[in-house]
Protein backbone atom coordinates (compact mmCIF):
# COMPACT_ATOMS: atom_id res chain seq x y z
CA GLN A 1 -36.74 -14.89 43.11
CA GLY A 2 -39.23 -12.30 44.29
CA TYR A 3 -39.60 -10.40 41.01
CA ARG A 4 -43.15 -9.45 40.10
CA SER A 5 -42.61 -7.54 36.79
CA LEU A 6 -40.37 -8.02 33.79
CA LEU A 7 -39.73 -5.67 30.84
CA VAL A 8 -37.69 -6.74 27.80
CA LEU A 9 -37.00 -4.25 24.97
CA PRO A 10 -34.90 -4.94 21.83
CA LEU A 11 -31.90 -2.74 21.09
CA VAL A 12 -32.49 -2.04 17.40
CA TYR A 13 -30.22 -0.04 15.08
CA GLY A 14 -31.88 0.29 11.69
CA LYS A 15 -33.02 -3.26 10.98
CA GLU A 16 -30.28 -4.87 13.06
CA VAL A 17 -31.00 -6.21 16.56
CA LEU A 18 -27.90 -5.59 18.66
CA GLY A 19 -29.20 -6.95 21.99
CA THR A 20 -31.93 -6.48 24.60
CA LEU A 21 -32.69 -4.21 27.53
CA PHE A 22 -33.93 -6.45 30.38
CA LEU A 23 -35.57 -4.89 33.43
CA ARG A 24 -36.91 -6.66 36.55
CA ALA A 25 -38.94 -5.23 39.42
CA SER A 26 -40.09 -6.76 42.76
CA ARG A 27 -42.91 -4.30 43.29
CA GLU A 28 -46.48 -5.37 42.84
CA VAL A 29 -47.33 -2.39 40.59
CA PRO A 30 -46.56 -3.21 36.94
CA PHE A 31 -44.49 -0.91 34.68
CA THR A 32 -46.46 2.17 33.77
CA ALA A 33 -46.91 3.56 30.26
CA SER A 34 -44.59 6.50 30.95
CA GLU A 35 -41.91 4.13 32.31
CA MET A 36 -42.22 1.95 29.23
CA ARG A 37 -41.97 5.03 26.96
CA PHE A 38 -38.84 6.17 28.83
CA CYS A 39 -37.36 2.68 28.50
CA ARG A 40 -38.02 2.67 24.75
CA ILE A 41 -36.16 5.98 24.42
CA ALA A 42 -33.33 4.63 26.58
CA ALA A 43 -33.21 1.45 24.45
CA ALA A 44 -32.97 3.47 21.23
CA SER A 45 -30.17 5.65 22.66
CA SER A 46 -28.40 2.56 23.98
CA ALA A 47 -28.65 0.95 20.53
CA ASN A 48 -26.97 3.99 18.95
CA ALA A 49 -24.24 4.01 21.60
CA LEU A 50 -23.70 0.26 21.26
CA LYS A 51 -23.51 0.47 17.46
CA ASN A 52 -20.95 3.29 17.72
CA ALA A 53 -18.93 1.21 20.16
CA LEU A 54 -19.04 -1.78 17.81
CA LEU A 55 -18.03 0.37 14.85
CA PHE A 56 -15.17 1.85 16.86
CA ARG A 57 -14.05 -1.64 17.85
CA ASP A 58 -14.17 -2.83 14.23
CA ALA A 59 -12.29 0.25 13.05
CA ALA A 60 -9.66 -0.23 15.76
CA GLN A 61 -9.25 -3.90 14.84
CA GLU A 62 -9.01 -3.04 11.14
CA ALA A 63 -6.41 -0.36 11.89
CA ALA A 64 -4.46 -2.85 13.97
CA ARG A 65 -4.54 -5.35 11.10
CA HIS A 66 -3.32 -2.67 8.71
CA ARG A 67 -0.51 -1.73 11.08
CA THR A 68 0.51 -5.37 11.39
CA THR A 69 0.43 -5.82 7.62
CA SER A 70 2.34 -2.58 7.12
CA GLU A 71 5.02 -3.66 9.60
CA LYS A 72 5.36 -7.04 7.86
CA LEU A 73 5.67 -5.38 4.46
CA ARG A 74 8.20 -2.92 5.86
CA ARG A 75 10.31 -5.79 7.20
CA VAL A 76 10.09 -7.53 3.83
CA LEU A 77 11.03 -4.36 1.94
CA ASP A 78 13.95 -3.61 4.24
CA GLY A 79 15.09 -7.23 4.32
CA THR A 80 15.34 -7.71 0.57
CA PRO A 81 18.74 -7.01 -1.02
CA ASP A 82 17.04 -5.41 -4.04
CA VAL A 83 16.48 -1.68 -4.32
CA ILE A 84 12.76 -0.80 -4.10
CA VAL A 85 11.60 2.77 -4.68
CA ALA A 86 8.02 3.89 -5.32
CA THR A 87 6.71 7.27 -6.42
CA ASP A 88 3.31 8.94 -6.66
CA GLY A 89 1.79 10.50 -9.75
CA ALA A 90 3.83 13.68 -9.27
CA GLY A 91 7.11 11.77 -9.11
CA ARG A 92 7.56 12.17 -5.35
CA VAL A 93 9.08 9.27 -3.39
CA THR A 94 6.56 7.25 -1.35
CA GLU A 95 8.66 4.14 -0.61
CA PHE A 96 12.41 3.94 -0.07
CA ASN A 97 13.76 0.68 1.35
CA ARG A 98 17.04 0.03 3.15
CA ALA A 99 18.85 -1.21 0.03
CA ALA A 100 18.03 2.12 -1.62
CA GLU A 101 19.46 3.89 1.43
CA ASP A 102 22.70 1.90 1.17
CA LEU A 103 23.00 2.61 -2.56
CA THR A 104 22.28 6.34 -2.46
CA GLY A 105 23.44 7.28 1.04
CA CYS A 106 20.08 8.98 1.63
CA PHE A 107 17.86 7.90 4.53
CA ALA A 108 14.22 7.04 3.91
CA LYS A 109 12.96 9.80 6.20
CA GLU A 110 14.91 12.28 4.07
CA ALA A 111 13.80 10.79 0.74
CA LEU A 112 10.06 10.44 1.39
CA GLY A 113 8.11 13.24 -0.24
CA GLN A 114 11.09 14.44 -2.28
CA PRO A 115 11.20 14.38 -6.12
CA LEU A 116 12.82 11.20 -7.42
CA GLU A 117 15.30 13.12 -9.59
CA LYS A 118 16.62 14.83 -6.47
CA VAL A 119 17.03 11.67 -4.38
CA PHE A 120 17.91 9.12 -7.07
CA PRO A 121 18.73 11.03 -10.29
CA ALA A 122 20.21 8.01 -12.09
CA ALA A 123 16.94 6.10 -11.66
CA ALA A 124 14.72 9.08 -12.51
CA SER A 125 15.96 9.10 -16.10
CA HIS A 126 15.11 5.41 -16.47
CA VAL A 127 11.58 5.36 -15.05
CA GLU A 128 10.19 4.60 -18.49
CA ALA A 129 12.63 1.72 -19.09
CA GLY A 130 9.80 -0.78 -18.64
CA ARG A 131 9.89 -4.38 -17.57
CA LYS A 132 12.89 -5.22 -19.77
CA GLY A 133 14.97 -2.93 -17.61
CA ARG A 134 18.35 -1.30 -18.06
CA GLU A 135 21.70 -1.63 -16.38
CA LEU A 136 23.29 1.33 -14.64
CA VAL A 137 26.78 1.78 -13.25
CA LEU A 138 26.52 3.83 -10.06
CA THR A 139 28.96 5.00 -7.41
CA ARG A 140 28.17 4.07 -3.81
CA PRO A 141 28.68 6.52 -0.95
CA ASP A 142 31.96 4.72 -0.11
CA GLY A 143 33.24 5.37 -3.64
CA GLY A 144 32.86 1.79 -4.88
CA ALA A 145 31.31 1.08 -8.27
CA CYS A 146 28.02 -0.77 -8.40
CA GLU A 147 26.16 -2.14 -11.42
CA ILE A 148 22.40 -2.59 -11.00
CA HIS A 149 19.68 -3.91 -13.28
CA LEU A 150 16.79 -1.45 -12.95
CA VAL A 151 13.19 -2.31 -13.85
CA SER A 152 10.26 0.11 -13.58
CA ALA A 153 6.53 -0.60 -13.60
CA PRO A 154 3.55 1.79 -13.48
CA LEU A 155 1.21 1.96 -10.49
CA THR A 156 -2.54 2.51 -10.91
CA ASP A 157 -5.32 3.47 -8.52
CA VAL A 158 -8.68 1.72 -8.11
CA SER A 159 -10.06 3.52 -11.16
CA GLY A 160 -7.18 2.36 -13.34
CA GLU A 161 -5.59 5.80 -13.60
CA ALA A 162 -1.81 6.24 -13.36
CA ALA A 163 -0.79 6.74 -9.75
CA GLY A 164 3.01 6.65 -9.94
CA SER A 165 5.60 3.97 -10.51
CA VAL A 166 7.75 1.45 -8.69
CA LEU A 167 11.41 0.80 -9.45
CA LEU A 168 13.17 -2.47 -8.66
CA GLY A 169 16.95 -2.58 -8.82
CA THR A 170 19.03 -5.77 -8.57
CA ASP A 171 22.75 -5.56 -7.81
CA VAL A 172 24.46 -7.49 -10.64
CA THR A 173 28.01 -6.33 -9.87
CA ASP A 174 29.20 -9.75 -8.69
CA LEU A 175 27.33 -11.48 -11.52
CA ARG A 176 28.95 -9.36 -14.20
CA ARG A 177 32.35 -9.80 -12.57
CA ALA A 178 31.84 -13.57 -12.54
CA GLU A 179 30.77 -13.52 -16.20
CA LYS A 180 33.93 -11.65 -17.16
CA SER A 181 36.07 -14.07 -15.16
CA LEU A 182 34.31 -17.01 -16.82
CA ALA A 183 34.91 -15.53 -20.26
CA GLN A 184 38.60 -15.07 -19.47
CA ALA A 185 38.80 -18.64 -18.15
CA GLU A 186 37.24 -19.91 -21.37
CA ARG A 187 39.77 -17.92 -23.37
CA LEU A 188 42.63 -19.42 -21.38
CA SER A 189 41.15 -22.88 -21.81
CA SER A 190 41.00 -22.34 -25.56
CA LEU A 191 44.55 -21.01 -25.41
CA GLY A 192 45.74 -24.35 -24.05
CA GLU A 193 44.23 -26.11 -27.05
CA VAL A 194 45.88 -23.65 -29.42
CA VAL A 195 49.37 -23.95 -27.93
CA ALA A 196 50.06 -27.35 -29.47
CA GLY A 197 49.22 -26.08 -32.95
CA VAL A 198 51.16 -22.87 -32.37
CA ALA A 199 54.30 -24.83 -31.51
CA HIS A 200 54.06 -26.53 -34.90
CA GLU A 201 53.31 -23.25 -36.68
CA LEU A 202 56.33 -21.59 -35.10
CA ASN A 203 58.60 -24.51 -35.85
CA ASN A 204 58.18 -24.16 -39.63
CA PRO A 205 59.26 -20.51 -40.02
CA LEU A 206 61.97 -20.94 -37.37
CA SER A 207 63.34 -23.89 -39.32
CA ALA A 208 63.48 -21.66 -42.41
CA VAL A 209 65.21 -18.91 -40.46
CA LEU A 210 67.74 -21.38 -39.09
CA GLY A 211 68.32 -23.04 -42.49
CA TYR A 212 68.91 -19.85 -44.43
CA ALA A 213 71.15 -18.47 -41.68
CA GLN A 214 73.30 -21.62 -41.83
CA LEU A 215 73.53 -21.30 -45.64
CA LEU A 216 74.75 -17.75 -45.26
CA GLN A 217 77.31 -18.86 -42.71
CA ALA A 218 78.58 -21.58 -45.07
CA ASP A 219 78.87 -19.33 -48.16
CA PRO A 220 78.87 -15.62 -47.28
CA GLY A 221 79.79 -14.59 -50.86
CA ARG A 222 76.74 -15.97 -52.64
CA ASP A 223 74.95 -13.88 -55.27
CA ASP A 224 71.45 -14.74 -54.03
CA LEU A 225 72.23 -13.38 -50.56
CA GLU A 226 69.53 -10.70 -50.75
CA ARG A 227 66.88 -13.30 -51.61
CA ASP A 228 67.83 -15.49 -48.65
CA LEU A 229 67.89 -12.52 -46.29
CA SER A 230 64.36 -11.54 -47.39
CA ARG A 231 63.21 -15.09 -46.67
CA ILE A 232 64.75 -14.93 -43.20
CA VAL A 233 62.98 -11.62 -42.53
CA GLU A 234 59.68 -12.99 -43.88
CA SER A 235 59.90 -16.10 -41.69
CA ALA A 236 60.85 -14.05 -38.61
CA ARG A 237 57.90 -11.73 -39.17
CA ARG A 238 55.62 -14.73 -39.53
CA CYS A 239 56.81 -15.97 -36.14
CA GLN A 240 56.22 -12.52 -34.73
CA ARG A 241 52.66 -12.40 -36.07
CA ILE A 242 51.85 -15.78 -34.55
CA VAL A 243 53.17 -14.72 -31.14
CA VAL A 244 51.37 -11.35 -31.27
CA ASN A 245 48.07 -13.01 -32.20
CA LEU A 246 48.48 -15.54 -29.43
CA LEU A 247 49.22 -12.88 -26.80
CA SER A 248 46.35 -10.74 -28.03
CA PHE A 249 44.00 -13.70 -27.60
CA ALA A 250 45.27 -14.54 -24.13
CA ARG A 251 45.48 -11.08 -22.61
CA LYS A 252 42.53 -9.51 -20.80
CA HIS A 253 41.54 -6.29 -22.52
CA PRO A 254 38.95 -3.80 -21.23
CA ALA A 255 35.85 -3.71 -23.39
CA LYS A 256 35.70 -0.72 -25.75
CA LYS A 257 34.00 0.22 -28.99
CA MET A 258 35.83 1.56 -32.03
CA PRO A 259 35.63 1.35 -35.84
CA GLN A 260 37.13 -1.84 -37.24
CA ASP A 261 38.15 -3.04 -40.68
CA LEU A 262 36.33 -6.34 -41.23
CA ASN A 263 38.95 -7.51 -43.70
CA VAL A 264 41.70 -6.99 -41.12
CA CYS A 265 39.65 -8.87 -38.52
CA VAL A 266 39.16 -11.80 -40.90
CA ARG A 267 42.86 -11.92 -41.74
CA LYS A 268 43.78 -11.93 -38.05
CA ILE A 269 41.42 -14.82 -37.40
CA ILE A 270 42.84 -16.75 -40.35
CA ASP A 271 46.38 -16.15 -39.07
CA LEU A 272 45.36 -17.34 -35.61
CA LYS A 273 43.68 -20.46 -37.00
């Protein structure tokens, strides 16, 4: 093609060959020593520039991958119905997903960098709850009650040192409501089985009440009137106890703790049985 001289120099960075510098000339005079020295300097500079360009490209690609991964994780965090909050070693919020926003009424941009006890005080006191978790009753911004199961786990850095914590909160409001409804349904189901026996239990004292009342009507001047009246009262009270126990079993009472006499509890159960 009319070329009379060729010069090929490697583009070397350290021990890595990145490419070649390829020169062609149509003149009859070959490349001189000074030209070759200049080309070697140009090749070395080109190798440095090329390596920097490759490093920049790799860094840009790695940053793009991190951005893509970060966006995916953000969508996952915001899409989950569970509350996810992370803090650094100083207790400042580093992650605050959308469920946490809905629960606290605080936006993520407002929460990030703030102390956890300021943004989510109810959770701050339970950071050390551990993997077993605890249940909290919170009030939503709209005033509605919400019960969440909160679990916390420590975060560590590459050296294994403590670097903060992450809190996961699951809304168990509907679950607890369903459990209470199920318990009440089981009580009512058991009540149906008890009714047949209760009818028989009530029939006996009522028969006594009716019998003694008829005796009094037949002979109002009897000497043992007081004894029969006491039996009527005793039988009526027995009926009353049965009805009270039955209603107490069937009614839905709010859960509360108080001292109890175990003997009284046993007697109530025996009466009910």
